[in-house]
Amino acid sequence: MNGQTKPLNDLLDKLPVDLYQEVRDFIEFLIRKKSINSSAKPVFDWAGSVKGLKNTSVEMQHKISEDRLPVR
């Protein structure tokens, strides 16, 4: 940290309460966002569901789309 950069705590101490809460909410959002992005793994549970088709790309796209639709 260079001499021109103030520590974060010093800046937070100068904020009014409502802005302090807004900064806190934003920091918590960033932490959750990072946690979700770093732990999310792709799901390929549809793999193999297109067996038996004539293997045209359009047919495969339709079958994959059907398999990805949520069950209601």
Protein backbone atom coordinates (compact mmCIF):
# COMPACT_ATOMS: atom_id res chain seq x y z
CA MET A 1 0.00 0.00 0.00
CA ASN A 2 1.49 3.32 -1.01
CA GLY A 3 1.35 6.57 0.98
CA GLN A 4 -1.57 7.93 -1.05
CA THR A 5 -3.90 5.01 -0.34
CA LYS A 6 -5.82 5.16 2.93
CA PRO A 7 -6.56 1.92 4.75
CA LEU A 8 -10.11 0.71 4.20
CA ASN A 9 -10.94 1.01 7.91
CA ASP A 10 -10.07 4.71 7.86
CA LEU A 11 -12.44 5.28 4.94
CA LEU A 12 -15.22 3.24 6.54
CA ASP A 13 -14.96 5.26 9.74
CA LYS A 14 -15.84 8.41 7.77
CA LEU A 15 -19.04 7.00 6.26
CA PRO A 16 -22.50 7.76 7.63
CA VAL A 17 -24.34 4.72 9.00
CA ASP A 18 -26.59 4.23 5.95
CA LEU A 19 -23.64 4.23 3.54
CA TYR A 20 -21.65 1.97 5.85
CA GLN A 21 -24.46 -0.59 5.65
CA GLU A 22 -24.54 -0.25 1.86
CA VAL A 23 -20.79 -0.95 1.65
CA ARG A 24 -21.19 -3.91 3.98
CA ASP A 25 -24.01 -5.32 1.82
CA PHE A 26 -21.89 -4.89 -1.30
CA ILE A 27 -18.92 -6.67 0.27
CA GLU A 28 -21.17 -9.57 1.32
CA PHE A 29 -22.55 -9.70 -2.24
CA LEU A 30 -19.03 -9.89 -3.68
CA ILE A 31 -18.12 -12.71 -1.28
CA ARG A 32 -21.25 -14.70 -2.21
CA LYS A 33 -20.66 -14.07 -5.92
CA LYS A 34 -17.07 -15.30 -5.70
CA SER A 35 -18.14 -18.34 -3.70
CA ILE A 36 -20.83 -19.29 -6.23
CA ASN A 37 -18.55 -18.80 -9.23
CA SER A 38 -15.65 -20.74 -7.76
CA SER A 39 -17.70 -23.71 -6.59
CA ALA A 40 -20.08 -24.06 -9.53
CA LYS A 41 -19.30 -27.05 -11.70
CA PRO A 42 -20.98 -27.76 -15.01
CA VAL A 43 -23.72 -30.37 -14.98
CA PHE A 44 -23.94 -32.82 -17.87
CA ASP A 45 -26.78 -34.98 -16.63
CA TRP A 46 -28.31 -34.79 -20.11
CA ALA A 47 -25.30 -36.60 -21.62
CA GLY A 48 -26.28 -39.79 -23.39
CA SER A 49 -29.91 -38.76 -23.72
CA VAL A 50 -29.65 -38.38 -27.49
CA LYS A 51 -28.74 -41.98 -28.20
CA GLY A 52 -30.98 -43.57 -30.81
CA LEU A 53 -31.56 -40.44 -32.83
CA LYS A 54 -30.55 -40.18 -36.47
CA ASN A 55 -27.75 -37.91 -35.26
CA THR A 56 -28.77 -34.83 -37.18
CA SER A 57 -27.67 -31.71 -35.36
CA VAL A 58 -31.18 -30.24 -35.38
CA GLU A 59 -32.67 -33.40 -33.86
CA MET A 60 -29.98 -33.46 -31.20
CA GLN A 61 -30.57 -29.80 -30.33
CA HIS A 62 -34.29 -30.40 -29.93
CA LYS A 63 -33.76 -33.48 -27.76
CA ILE A 64 -31.21 -31.70 -25.54
CA SER A 65 -33.56 -28.71 -25.15
CA GLU A 66 -36.42 -31.02 -24.14
CA ASP A 67 -34.23 -32.80 -21.58
CA ARG A 68 -33.12 -29.50 -20.04
CA LEU A 69 -36.64 -28.16 -19.50
CA PRO A 70 -37.70 -28.18 -15.85
CA VAL A 71 -40.15 -30.86 -14.84
CA ARG A 72 -43.54 -29.37 -13.94
